[in-house]
Amino acid sequence: PEAPAPEAPVFVNSEAEAYKYLGGGKNDWKQIRFDSEGLVDRKGGILKPVDDVEAALYKETDEKLLNPLQNKFALNGNVEGILGNDKWTIGEGFGSQLYANMILYPKATSQMAKTVLAPFTHARNFLSAMAFAGANGLIPLADKNAVRQAWNALQIGGRGSKAGNELYQKLLRLNVVNSNVRLGDLQRLLGDVDFGSTLSSFRGLNKLLGTLSRGKKFAQDLYTAEDDFWKIFTWFGEKDRLYKAFTKNGLRQGDEIRQVLPDGTEKVIGRFTEDWVEQEAANLVKNQVPNYAFVSEFVKGLRMFPMGNFVSFPAEILRTGTNIVSRSLDEIFYKVKIGKEIKSPLRNIGLARLTGMATTTAAIPYAAVAAGQMAYDVSKEELDAMRRYVADWSKNSTLIPLRDKEGNLEYIDFSHMNAYDTLTRPIQTVINAVQQGRTDNDGIMDDFMLGLAESTKELALPFIGESIWTEALSDLVMRQGRSRDGKPVWNEEDTFGRKMYNAMGHLVEAQMPLNWKQMKRIGLSMHPIDSKGRFDEYGNEYEFGNEALGILGMRSVKIDPEKSI
């Protein structure tokens, strides 16, 4: 038989090669030139440093990272796919600019105020990210060496040792770090509205804006670091247990890894080297911990709509949650040939990962609810009845029941701390199947996906619900002066001027940073017990201990049937 014809190259080095291999004419292909806004500078395709730390490292080592595609030629579609980005263009017309300034700009600033500029949110961000390690079967903070190295590698305000910086650069190249999902959504939205450029055109504001910009950058670096810490910790954990699993089963450095497929055939998937283990661990973190780089362009583009807050995050919860279950099953049934024996070196890792996911999504929440019921003598009927009187966003949450000193019911919304809350039922389906001895990997995954479809209605809310800013606008216009949970923005007997004052205050409140509402409650709770200063304008009294727990997302809320009607 004739040898197959060689395939045409995707990239070529010159116009002459483009004519020869790509065909057509100049209108069918073009040269790849990255602009100064992309990953590289025009001058030679030198990769730009991602932050001040990397810039200092480049200067210290005189290292230049070159993009190998700079100045190559390729077909138009390939070039557009490489150079294109997901930045949506806002038109210059009156309607487009009105939409950008009245909807998108305040949407971006309100989201920034409630996340990177809110100190208590930073605490919850760090603690909730702990679940991503736990869901993969790693006990958070148990590996002291991983904790130390993850801490030393964090990039906050230019801190870090040379060794820590080198580790961070390695993890950047492996696409493990600097990929916070919520921050990715926010940064793209700020870029869409060209945040800061209009105000910076006023020369008198430049100095003030420079100071504010540095504060914003520090807050963003901190928000990224809170996410990076757990990704680095998880990477070390995955690397360590992969290495131990293979060596314990007799594989030596440099040996081929020969996977035994379900049909009995063998496939070489690599050599057992440090580089292979590090890359495999990186792949696990990328695919099983939320990562903005893996969000689809369609979902990223939804940030331009007035609805939704940080829509990429629930999309990543679906992707990574499904991947954790799939990887667990693959590891449980994974076989390799070592010498003349067929072994299952990753089975214990798979079981630990599946157990970790079940513990995170089901066991811990169930235990917390049961403990609350037992400690405060709350029956199932009372727990079910509570849901009729809680806020709309908590009706389907995991509620931990409590009672105050007078015996009145309260609750803690545990779902705020558990990103994988909605995956509880489908995870239990998989656990039951494995315990029953089922070995049909594909069938188990089919059952999981069916349960997932039934259990993820709540995940649609960030996509279709009101954003922080549009909710405030809707309170004034659509709900005629009432918030979504029924609280009045103004008194119907107020003068028109007073109503306008309250309306403006309501909109400003949506933009207030530094956890303003929570700070206000903490301030009220610090007044003496017999002081009128402990009460807000609605007659609510606050306790310091409870408000302090709110920093961790564990604040209890009183059940008030009268206000819920």
Protein backbone atom coordinates (compact mmCIF):
# COMPACT_ATOMS: atom_id res chain seq x y z
CA PRO A 1 0.00 0.00 0.00
CA GLU A 2 1.06 3.54 -0.67
CA ALA A 3 2.31 5.61 2.22
CA PRO A 4 -0.19 8.27 3.35
CA ALA A 5 0.48 11.76 2.06
CA PRO A 6 2.10 14.02 4.65
CA GLU A 7 -0.26 16.46 6.28
CA ALA A 8 0.21 20.17 5.67
CA PRO A 9 1.72 22.00 8.65
CA VAL A 10 -0.52 24.29 10.69
CA PHE A 11 2.20 26.93 11.15
CA VAL A 12 4.91 27.94 8.70
CA ASN A 13 7.85 30.33 8.92
CA SER A 14 7.50 32.59 5.86
CA GLU A 15 5.20 33.83 3.10
CA ALA A 16 6.93 31.48 0.66
CA GLU A 17 6.11 28.50 2.89
CA ALA A 18 2.56 29.80 3.30
CA TYR A 19 2.05 29.83 -0.48
CA LYS A 20 3.56 26.34 -0.70
CA TYR A 21 1.85 24.56 2.21
CA LEU A 22 -1.27 26.58 3.10
CA GLY A 23 -2.46 27.29 -0.44
CA GLY A 24 -4.68 30.12 -1.63
CA GLY A 25 -3.44 33.68 -1.56
CA LYS A 26 -2.59 36.40 0.92
CA ASN A 27 -6.23 36.81 1.88
CA ASP A 28 -6.42 33.22 3.15
CA TRP A 29 -3.64 33.34 5.73
CA LYS A 30 -1.87 35.90 7.87
CA GLN A 31 1.09 36.39 10.17
CA ILE A 32 0.70 35.91 13.90
CA ARG A 33 1.51 39.17 15.70
CA PHE A 34 0.59 39.52 19.35
CA ASP A 35 -0.23 43.10 20.31
CA SER A 36 0.97 44.87 23.45
CA GLU A 37 -2.30 44.09 25.26
CA GLY A 38 -1.85 40.35 24.91
CA LEU A 39 0.52 37.88 26.45
CA VAL A 40 3.57 39.14 24.59
CA ASP A 41 5.13 42.39 23.43
CA ARG A 42 5.52 43.10 19.73
CA LYS A 43 9.30 43.11 20.02
CA GLY A 44 10.25 39.53 19.31
CA GLY A 45 7.28 37.97 21.05
CA ILE A 46 8.74 38.26 24.55
CA LEU A 47 6.29 37.06 27.17
CA LYS A 48 5.25 39.86 29.51
CA PRO A 49 5.56 39.23 33.28
CA VAL A 50 2.20 38.57 34.91
CA ASP A 51 2.99 40.65 38.01
CA ASP A 52 5.69 42.59 39.86
CA VAL A 53 7.18 39.43 41.33
CA GLU A 54 7.68 37.86 37.92
CA ALA A 55 9.09 41.12 36.58
CA ALA A 56 11.66 41.17 39.38
CA LEU A 57 12.56 37.54 38.67
CA TYR A 58 13.07 38.30 34.97
CA LYS A 59 15.35 41.20 35.90
CA GLU A 60 17.30 39.08 38.37
CA THR A 61 17.85 36.13 36.02
CA ASP A 62 17.82 38.10 32.74
CA GLU A 63 15.42 35.41 31.53
CA LYS A 64 13.28 36.01 28.45
CA LEU A 65 10.37 33.71 27.66
CA LEU A 66 9.61 33.74 23.95
CA ASN A 67 6.32 32.82 22.38
CA PRO A 68 7.15 30.22 19.73
CA LEU A 69 4.23 31.31 17.53
CA GLN A 70 5.36 34.93 17.20
CA ASN A 71 5.80 35.86 13.47
CA LYS A 72 4.60 32.43 12.23
CA PHE A 73 2.04 32.22 9.40
CA ALA A 74 -1.25 30.28 9.57
CA LEU A 75 -4.72 30.17 8.01
CA ASN A 76 -6.99 33.06 8.99
CA GLY A 77 -9.27 30.93 11.15
CA ASN A 78 -6.38 29.54 13.17
CA VAL A 79 -4.85 32.99 13.69
CA GLU A 80 -8.17 34.46 14.79
CA GLY A 81 -8.66 31.56 17.20
CA ILE A 82 -5.23 32.19 18.74
CA LEU A 83 -5.36 35.97 18.88
CA GLY A 84 -9.05 36.30 19.67
CA ASN A 85 -10.28 36.85 23.19
CA ASP A 86 -13.61 36.97 24.93
CA LYS A 87 -13.72 40.75 25.32
CA TRP A 88 -17.08 41.90 24.07
CA THR A 89 -17.07 45.16 22.21
CA ILE A 90 -19.37 47.86 23.52
CA GLY A 91 -20.53 50.09 20.70
CA GLU A 92 -20.04 53.82 20.51
CA GLY A 93 -23.73 54.60 20.04
CA PHE A 94 -25.83 56.38 22.66
CA GLY A 95 -27.74 53.22 23.63
CA SER A 96 -24.56 51.17 24.06
CA GLN A 97 -22.85 53.81 26.16
CA LEU A 98 -25.99 54.29 28.28
CA TYR A 99 -26.12 50.53 28.92
CA ALA A 100 -22.42 50.42 29.79
CA ASN A 101 -22.58 53.35 32.20
CA MET A 102 -25.96 52.68 33.82
CA ILE A 103 -25.80 48.87 34.04
CA LEU A 104 -22.38 47.31 33.41
CA TYR A 105 -20.17 49.89 35.11
CA PRO A 106 -22.11 49.89 38.43
CA LYS A 107 -22.51 46.09 38.14
CA ALA A 108 -18.72 45.79 38.02
CA THR A 109 -18.09 48.22 40.88
CA SER A 110 -20.76 46.64 43.10
CA GLN A 111 -19.27 43.19 42.58
CA MET A 112 -15.81 44.56 43.35
CA ALA A 113 -17.12 46.24 46.50
CA LYS A 114 -18.71 43.01 47.77
CA THR A 115 -15.70 40.75 47.04
CA VAL A 116 -12.12 42.02 46.77
CA LEU A 117 -12.85 45.20 48.77
CA ALA A 118 -14.73 43.38 51.53
CA PRO A 119 -12.39 42.05 54.27
CA PHE A 120 -14.86 39.56 55.74
CA THR A 121 -15.46 38.14 52.27
CA HIS A 122 -11.74 37.39 52.10
CA ALA A 123 -12.05 35.25 55.23
CA ARG A 124 -15.00 33.32 53.78
CA ASN A 125 -13.20 32.98 50.44
CA PHE A 126 -10.22 31.31 52.12
CA LEU A 127 -12.31 29.02 54.32
CA SER A 128 -14.75 27.94 51.61
CA ALA A 129 -11.84 27.11 49.24
CA MET A 130 -10.74 24.57 51.85
CA ALA A 131 -13.59 22.39 50.59
CA PHE A 132 -11.86 21.90 47.24
CA ALA A 133 -8.99 20.04 48.91
CA GLY A 134 -11.40 18.09 51.12
CA ALA A 135 -13.58 17.10 48.16
CA ASN A 136 -10.52 15.49 46.56
CA GLY A 137 -9.87 13.35 49.62
CA LEU A 138 -7.11 15.50 51.11
CA ILE A 139 -7.40 16.52 54.77
CA PRO A 140 -7.00 20.33 54.85
CA LEU A 141 -3.79 21.51 56.59
CA ALA A 142 -2.78 17.94 57.52
CA ASP A 143 0.40 18.00 55.40
CA LYS A 144 2.57 20.53 57.24
CA ASN A 145 5.24 20.56 54.52
CA ALA A 146 2.64 21.36 51.85
CA VAL A 147 1.20 24.10 54.08
CA ARG A 148 4.64 25.67 54.53
CA GLN A 149 5.56 25.55 50.85
CA ALA A 150 2.15 26.84 49.76
CA TRP A 151 2.47 29.76 52.18
CA ASN A 152 6.00 30.61 51.02
CA ALA A 153 4.93 30.58 47.37
CA LEU A 154 2.08 33.08 47.76
CA GLN A 155 2.49 36.30 45.80
CA ILE A 156 1.15 39.17 47.91
CA GLY A 157 2.71 42.60 47.64
CA GLY A 158 5.96 41.22 46.22
CA ARG A 159 6.58 38.92 49.22
CA GLY A 160 8.18 35.52 49.01
CA SER A 161 11.61 33.89 48.89
CA LYS A 162 13.45 33.11 45.69
CA ALA A 163 12.60 29.41 46.07
CA GLY A 164 8.95 30.27 46.67
CA ASN A 165 8.88 32.51 43.61
CA GLU A 166 10.45 29.79 41.47
CA LEU A 167 7.81 27.32 42.66
CA TYR A 168 5.07 29.81 41.81
CA GLN A 169 6.55 30.30 38.31
CA LYS A 170 6.53 26.52 37.80
CA LEU A 171 2.89 26.32 38.89
CA LEU A 172 2.03 29.21 36.57
CA ARG A 173 3.52 27.28 33.66
CA LEU A 174 1.50 24.24 34.75
CA ASN A 175 -1.67 26.43 34.85
CA VAL A 176 -2.32 25.56 38.49
CA VAL A 177 -2.40 29.03 40.09
CA ASN A 178 -3.62 32.58 39.38
CA SER A 179 -6.98 31.31 38.14
CA ASN A 180 -9.56 32.45 40.72
CA VAL A 181 -12.96 32.08 39.07
CA ARG A 182 -14.87 34.93 40.72
CA LEU A 183 -11.93 37.30 40.31
CA GLY A 184 -11.60 36.28 36.65
CA ASP A 185 -15.23 37.26 36.01
CA LEU A 186 -14.76 40.58 37.80
CA GLN A 187 -11.49 41.49 36.05
CA ARG A 188 -13.00 40.81 32.62
CA LEU A 189 -16.06 42.91 33.43
CA LEU A 190 -13.88 45.78 34.67
CA GLY A 191 -11.94 45.54 31.42
CA ASP A 192 -15.14 45.53 29.36
CA VAL A 193 -16.23 48.87 30.82
CA ASP A 194 -12.67 50.28 30.70
CA PHE A 195 -12.73 50.82 34.44
CA GLY A 196 -10.81 53.86 35.65
CA SER A 197 -9.95 55.36 32.27
CA THR A 198 -12.67 58.01 32.34
CA LEU A 199 -11.84 59.28 35.82
CA SER A 200 -8.09 59.16 35.18
CA SER A 201 -8.55 61.66 32.35
CA PHE A 202 -9.09 64.31 35.02
CA ARG A 203 -5.57 65.32 36.01
CA GLY A 204 -6.52 66.39 39.53
CA LEU A 205 -7.74 62.86 40.34
CA ASN A 206 -4.65 61.01 39.12
CA LYS A 207 -2.86 60.97 42.49
CA LEU A 208 -5.95 59.81 44.37
CA LEU A 209 -6.72 57.18 41.74
CA GLY A 210 -3.13 55.96 41.88
CA THR A 211 -3.46 55.34 45.63
CA LEU A 212 -6.83 53.65 45.21
CA SER A 213 -5.47 51.52 42.37
CA ARG A 214 -2.62 50.25 44.53
CA GLY A 215 -5.11 49.36 47.27
CA LYS A 216 -7.33 47.57 44.76
CA LYS A 217 -4.35 45.64 43.37
CA PHE A 218 -3.28 44.53 46.85
CA ALA A 219 -6.85 43.37 47.58
CA GLN A 220 -6.97 41.46 44.28
CA ASP A 221 -3.58 39.85 44.99
CA LEU A 222 -4.87 38.79 48.40
CA TYR A 223 -8.07 37.35 46.91
CA THR A 224 -5.99 35.37 44.40
CA ALA A 225 -3.61 34.18 47.13
CA GLU A 226 -6.49 32.80 49.21
CA ASP A 227 -7.42 30.62 46.23
CA ASP A 228 -3.81 29.81 45.28
CA PHE A 229 -2.96 28.54 48.76
CA TRP A 230 -5.39 25.63 48.49
CA LYS A 231 -4.48 24.90 44.88
CA ILE A 232 -0.79 24.66 45.80
CA PHE A 233 -1.62 22.57 48.87
CA THR A 234 -3.74 20.25 46.71
CA TRP A 235 -1.00 19.99 44.07
CA PHE A 236 1.52 18.84 46.69
CA GLY A 237 -1.00 16.37 48.11
CA GLU A 238 -1.79 14.86 44.69
CA LYS A 239 1.89 14.67 43.75
CA ASP A 240 2.83 12.96 47.00
CA ARG A 241 0.15 10.29 46.93
CA LEU A 242 0.68 9.53 43.22
CA TYR A 243 4.39 8.97 43.84
CA LYS A 244 3.77 6.80 46.90
CA ALA A 245 1.07 4.72 45.18
CA PHE A 246 3.25 3.76 42.22
CA THR A 247 6.47 3.15 44.17
CA LYS A 248 4.62 1.05 46.76
CA ASN A 249 3.46 -1.21 43.95
CA GLY A 250 6.97 -1.71 42.60
CA LEU A 251 7.32 0.94 39.89
CA ARG A 252 10.78 2.51 39.72
CA GLN A 253 11.99 5.85 38.41
CA GLY A 254 12.16 5.76 34.60
CA ASP A 255 9.92 2.68 34.20
CA GLU A 256 7.17 2.74 31.60
CA ILE A 257 3.65 3.07 32.97
CA ARG A 258 1.69 0.38 31.14
CA GLN A 259 -2.04 0.81 31.65
CA VAL A 260 -4.21 -2.29 31.18
CA LEU A 261 -7.38 -1.30 29.33
CA PRO A 262 -10.81 -2.94 29.93
CA ASP A 263 -10.36 -5.14 26.83
CA GLY A 264 -7.08 -6.51 28.20
CA THR A 265 -4.77 -4.60 25.87
CA GLU A 266 -1.90 -2.52 27.22
CA LYS A 267 -1.16 1.17 26.61
CA VAL A 268 2.00 3.03 27.57
CA ILE A 269 0.90 6.37 29.05
CA GLY A 270 4.34 7.69 29.99
CA ARG A 271 7.39 7.10 32.10
CA PHE A 272 7.43 7.28 35.86
CA THR A 273 9.51 10.42 36.36
CA GLU A 274 9.28 13.46 38.59
CA ASP A 275 8.14 15.58 35.63
CA TRP A 276 5.35 13.10 34.80
CA VAL A 277 4.13 13.05 38.41
CA GLU A 278 4.17 16.87 38.63
CA GLN A 279 2.28 17.23 35.35
CA GLU A 280 -0.29 14.60 36.36
CA ALA A 281 -0.82 16.36 39.71
CA ALA A 282 -1.23 19.67 37.87
CA ASN A 283 -3.83 18.10 35.56
CA LEU A 284 -5.76 16.89 38.59
CA VAL A 285 -5.80 20.36 40.18
CA LYS A 286 -6.76 22.06 36.90
CA ASN A 287 -9.65 19.70 36.28
CA GLN A 288 -10.90 19.18 39.83
CA VAL A 289 -10.53 22.61 41.45
CA PRO A 290 -12.43 25.60 39.93
CA ASN A 291 -10.21 27.30 37.35
CA TYR A 292 -11.21 30.35 35.27
CA ALA A 293 -9.10 29.19 32.32
CA PHE A 294 -11.53 26.30 31.75
CA VAL A 295 -14.73 28.36 31.72
CA SER A 296 -16.34 28.36 28.29
CA GLU A 297 -16.38 31.55 26.23
CA PHE A 298 -20.19 31.49 26.28
CA VAL A 299 -20.38 31.45 30.08
CA LYS A 300 -17.69 34.14 30.36
CA GLY A 301 -19.68 36.31 27.97
CA LEU A 302 -22.74 36.18 30.25
CA ARG A 303 -21.05 38.75 32.50
CA MET A 304 -22.15 41.39 29.96
CA PHE A 305 -25.83 40.83 30.77
CA PRO A 306 -27.60 42.69 33.59
CA MET A 307 -28.56 39.40 35.27
CA GLY A 308 -26.26 37.18 37.25
CA ASN A 309 -23.35 37.46 39.67
CA PHE A 310 -20.07 35.63 39.00
CA VAL A 311 -21.73 33.18 36.63
CA SER A 312 -18.48 31.30 35.94
CA PHE A 313 -18.32 29.90 39.48
CA PRO A 314 -21.40 27.61 39.38
CA ALA A 315 -20.31 26.46 35.92
CA GLU A 316 -16.98 25.41 37.40
CA ILE A 317 -18.67 23.68 40.34
CA LEU A 318 -20.54 21.51 37.84
CA ARG A 319 -17.40 20.78 35.81
CA THR A 320 -15.08 20.02 38.72
CA GLY A 321 -17.68 18.13 40.75
CA THR A 322 -18.37 15.83 37.81
CA ASN A 323 -14.64 15.42 37.17
CA ILE A 324 -13.97 14.44 40.79
CA VAL A 325 -16.54 11.64 40.60
CA SER A 326 -15.32 10.51 37.18
CA ARG A 327 -11.67 10.52 38.28
CA SER A 328 -12.54 8.62 41.47
CA LEU A 329 -14.15 5.83 39.48
CA ASP A 330 -11.28 5.77 36.99
CA GLU A 331 -8.79 5.41 39.84
CA ILE A 332 -10.81 2.67 41.55
CA PHE A 333 -10.89 0.57 38.36
CA TYR A 334 -7.46 1.64 37.03
CA LYS A 335 -4.99 -1.19 36.35
CA VAL A 336 -1.34 -1.20 35.32
CA LYS A 337 1.11 -3.97 34.53
CA ILE A 338 4.22 -3.86 36.73
CA GLY A 339 6.62 -6.65 35.88
CA LYS A 340 4.38 -9.64 35.23
CA GLU A 341 1.66 -8.60 37.64
CA ILE A 342 -1.49 -6.55 37.02
CA LYS A 343 -2.08 -4.15 39.92
CA SER A 344 -4.49 -1.37 40.94
CA PRO A 345 -2.13 1.22 42.44
CA LEU A 346 -4.67 4.09 42.48
CA ARG A 347 -7.63 2.25 43.99
CA ASN A 348 -7.10 3.60 47.51
CA ILE A 349 -6.69 7.14 46.13
CA GLY A 350 -9.97 6.78 44.22
CA LEU A 351 -11.80 5.54 47.30
CA ALA A 352 -10.32 8.36 49.40
CA ARG A 353 -11.32 10.91 46.75
CA LEU A 354 -14.88 9.59 46.50
CA THR A 355 -15.14 9.51 50.30
CA GLY A 356 -13.80 13.07 50.49
CA MET A 357 -16.42 14.25 48.02
CA ALA A 358 -19.17 12.46 49.92
CA THR A 359 -17.94 13.86 53.23
CA THR A 360 -17.81 17.41 51.87
CA THR A 361 -21.16 17.30 50.12
CA ALA A 362 -23.21 15.11 52.45
CA ALA A 363 -21.68 13.81 55.69
CA ILE A 364 -20.53 17.11 57.21
CA PRO A 365 -23.75 19.03 56.36
CA TYR A 366 -25.93 16.14 57.59
CA ALA A 367 -23.94 15.84 60.82
CA ALA A 368 -24.15 19.62 61.41
CA VAL A 369 -27.94 19.63 60.96
CA ALA A 370 -28.38 16.54 63.15
CA ALA A 371 -26.19 18.06 65.87
CA GLY A 372 -28.30 21.24 65.82
CA GLN A 373 -31.52 19.27 66.06
CA MET A 374 -30.23 17.21 68.98
CA ALA A 375 -28.66 20.11 70.90
CA TYR A 376 -31.71 22.39 70.61
CA ASP A 377 -34.48 19.75 70.49
CA VAL A 378 -35.72 20.67 67.01
CA SER A 379 -38.00 18.13 65.37
CA LYS A 380 -38.05 17.32 61.65
CA GLU A 381 -41.47 18.95 61.39
CA GLU A 382 -40.11 22.18 62.90
CA LEU A 383 -37.11 22.07 60.58
CA ASP A 384 -39.37 21.68 57.54
CA ALA A 385 -41.66 24.47 58.75
CA MET A 386 -38.68 26.83 59.13
CA ARG A 387 -38.19 26.90 55.37
CA ARG A 388 -41.47 28.74 54.87
CA TYR A 389 -40.11 31.75 56.76
CA VAL A 390 -36.47 32.00 55.65
CA ALA A 391 -35.14 34.28 52.91
CA ASP A 392 -35.76 33.11 49.35
CA TRP A 393 -32.07 32.36 48.76
CA SER A 394 -32.02 30.04 51.81
CA LYS A 395 -35.18 28.01 51.18
CA ASN A 396 -33.28 25.11 49.59
CA SER A 397 -30.09 25.51 51.61
CA THR A 398 -28.71 23.26 54.33
CA LEU A 399 -30.11 24.91 57.48
CA ILE A 400 -28.55 24.22 60.89
CA PRO A 401 -31.32 24.81 63.49
CA LEU A 402 -30.69 26.69 66.75
CA ARG A 403 -32.76 28.31 69.51
CA ASP A 404 -32.20 31.59 71.33
CA LYS A 405 -32.48 32.04 75.11
CA GLU A 406 -36.25 32.34 74.86
CA GLY A 407 -36.54 29.16 72.80
CA ASN A 408 -37.27 30.90 69.50
CA LEU A 409 -35.96 29.18 66.37
CA GLU A 410 -32.89 30.47 64.52
CA TYR A 411 -30.79 28.99 61.72
CA ILE A 412 -27.35 29.09 60.14
CA ASP A 413 -27.28 28.79 56.34
CA PHE A 414 -24.50 26.20 56.00
CA SER A 415 -24.70 26.25 52.19
CA HIS A 416 -22.83 29.57 52.16
CA MET A 417 -19.76 27.63 53.29
CA ASN A 418 -20.20 24.59 51.05
CA ALA A 419 -19.64 25.18 47.34
CA TYR A 420 -20.64 21.62 46.44
CA ASP A 421 -23.91 21.70 48.39
CA THR A 422 -26.18 21.00 45.40
CA LEU A 423 -24.24 17.85 44.45
CA THR A 424 -25.19 15.99 47.63
CA ARG A 425 -27.80 13.60 46.22
CA PRO A 426 -25.97 12.51 43.03
CA ILE A 427 -22.79 11.87 45.07
CA GLN A 428 -24.75 9.58 47.40
CA THR A 429 -25.96 7.65 44.33
CA VAL A 430 -22.36 6.91 43.34
CA ILE A 431 -21.37 5.90 46.90
CA ASN A 432 -24.27 3.43 47.06
CA ALA A 433 -23.32 1.91 43.70
CA VAL A 434 -19.69 1.34 44.72
CA GLN A 435 -20.73 -0.14 48.07
CA GLN A 436 -23.07 -2.54 46.26
CA GLY A 437 -20.09 -3.83 44.27
CA ARG A 438 -21.09 -2.45 40.89
CA THR A 439 -18.20 -2.36 38.40
CA ASP A 440 -19.90 -0.73 35.41
CA ASN A 441 -18.04 2.58 35.45
CA ASP A 442 -20.10 4.12 32.62
CA GLY A 443 -23.42 3.07 34.15
CA ILE A 444 -22.52 4.59 37.51
CA MET A 445 -21.58 7.87 35.79
CA ASP A 446 -24.90 7.85 33.91
CA ASP A 447 -26.78 7.60 37.23
CA PHE A 448 -24.66 10.43 38.63
CA MET A 449 -25.43 12.71 35.68
CA LEU A 450 -29.16 11.97 35.98
CA GLY A 451 -29.07 12.90 39.66
CA LEU A 452 -27.02 15.97 38.83
CA ALA A 453 -29.64 17.21 36.38
CA GLU A 454 -32.33 16.91 39.06
CA SER A 455 -30.27 18.53 41.81
CA THR A 456 -28.83 21.62 40.15
CA LYS A 457 -31.84 23.88 39.76
CA GLU A 458 -30.34 26.19 42.37
CA LEU A 459 -27.18 26.57 40.29
CA ALA A 460 -29.23 28.38 37.65
CA LEU A 461 -29.89 31.31 39.98
CA PRO A 462 -26.51 33.03 39.47
CA PHE A 463 -27.20 32.91 35.70
CA ILE A 464 -30.78 34.21 35.69
CA GLY A 465 -31.06 36.06 39.01
CA GLU A 466 -30.58 39.76 39.43
CA SER A 467 -27.07 41.10 39.82
CA ILE A 468 -26.26 43.16 42.93
CA TRP A 469 -26.78 46.43 41.05
CA THR A 470 -29.87 45.47 39.01
CA GLU A 471 -31.51 44.10 42.16
CA ALA A 472 -31.13 47.52 43.79
CA LEU A 473 -32.62 49.17 40.68
CA SER A 474 -35.48 46.67 40.63
CA ASP A 475 -36.26 47.41 44.28
CA LEU A 476 -36.96 51.03 43.29
CA VAL A 477 -38.66 50.55 39.91
CA MET A 478 -40.15 47.06 39.61
CA ARG A 479 -40.95 46.44 43.29
CA GLN A 480 -41.92 50.10 43.90
CA GLY A 481 -39.76 50.79 46.92
CA ARG A 482 -39.47 47.36 48.52
CA SER A 483 -36.49 45.03 48.64
CA ARG A 484 -36.71 41.47 47.41
CA ASP A 485 -37.35 40.21 50.95
CA GLY A 486 -40.08 42.81 51.55
CA LYS A 487 -38.26 45.53 53.50
CA PRO A 488 -39.40 49.07 52.58
CA VAL A 489 -36.89 51.41 50.98
CA TRP A 490 -39.03 54.42 51.90
CA ASN A 491 -42.19 55.17 53.84
CA GLU A 492 -45.27 55.72 51.68
CA GLU A 493 -46.09 58.82 53.77
CA ASP A 494 -42.69 60.41 53.05
CA THR A 495 -42.38 63.48 50.83
CA PHE A 496 -41.13 62.99 47.28
CA GLY A 497 -37.79 64.51 48.24
CA ARG A 498 -37.38 62.10 51.14
CA LYS A 499 -38.23 59.15 48.91
CA MET A 500 -35.58 60.27 46.42
CA TYR A 501 -33.04 60.58 49.24
CA ASN A 502 -33.78 57.04 50.43
CA ALA A 503 -33.69 55.73 46.86
CA MET A 504 -30.24 57.22 46.28
CA GLY A 505 -29.07 55.79 49.59
CA HIS A 506 -30.34 52.35 48.53
CA LEU A 507 -28.33 52.50 45.30
CA VAL A 508 -25.23 53.74 47.13
CA GLU A 509 -25.58 50.86 49.60
CA ALA A 510 -25.25 48.40 46.70
CA GLN A 511 -21.83 49.96 45.97
CA MET A 512 -20.55 50.11 49.54
CA PRO A 513 -17.31 48.18 50.12
CA LEU A 514 -15.71 46.87 53.34
CA ASN A 515 -18.73 44.71 54.33
CA TRP A 516 -20.51 47.90 55.30
CA LYS A 517 -23.75 46.24 56.50
CA GLN A 518 -21.88 43.71 58.60
CA MET A 519 -19.64 46.41 60.04
CA LYS A 520 -22.76 48.36 60.96
CA ARG A 521 -24.28 45.35 62.75
CA ILE A 522 -21.05 44.73 64.66
CA GLY A 523 -21.02 48.40 65.70
CA LEU A 524 -24.59 48.16 67.02
CA SER A 525 -23.79 44.95 68.91
CA MET A 526 -21.00 46.67 70.83
CA HIS A 527 -23.38 49.08 72.61
CA PRO A 528 -24.30 48.29 76.23
CA ILE A 529 -27.13 45.80 76.67
CA ASP A 530 -29.55 48.41 78.08
CA SER A 531 -28.72 50.99 75.37
CA LYS A 532 -31.11 51.99 72.60
CA GLY A 533 -28.05 52.11 70.32
CA ARG A 534 -28.14 48.31 70.04
CA PHE A 535 -31.24 48.50 67.81
CA ASP A 536 -31.40 49.34 64.11
CA GLU A 537 -34.16 51.32 62.40
CA TYR A 538 -36.30 48.14 62.12
CA GLY A 539 -36.04 47.35 65.85
CA ASN A 540 -33.59 44.45 65.39
CA GLU A 541 -31.05 43.81 68.16
CA TYR A 542 -27.63 42.30 67.44
CA GLU A 543 -25.21 40.27 69.57
CA PHE A 544 -21.47 40.69 69.14
CA GLY A 545 -20.64 36.96 69.28
CA ASN A 546 -23.13 36.13 66.56
CA GLU A 547 -21.99 39.00 64.33
CA ALA A 548 -18.36 37.95 64.79
CA LEU A 549 -19.27 34.46 63.60
CA GLY A 550 -20.70 36.14 60.51
CA ILE A 551 -17.13 36.88 59.43
CA LEU A 552 -16.79 33.13 58.88
CA GLY A 553 -20.22 32.84 57.25
CA MET A 554 -21.71 31.21 60.38
CA ARG A 555 -24.06 33.97 61.58
CA SER A 556 -27.39 32.74 62.92
CA VAL A 557 -30.60 34.36 61.65
CA LYS A 558 -33.81 34.61 63.65
CA ILE A 559 -37.04 33.16 62.30
CA ASP A 560 -39.66 35.91 62.21
CA PRO A 561 -42.96 34.63 60.73
CA GLU A 562 -44.60 38.06 60.89
CA LYS A 563 -41.96 39.70 58.69
CA SER A 564 -42.00 36.74 56.31
CA ILE A 565 -45.70 37.01 55.47
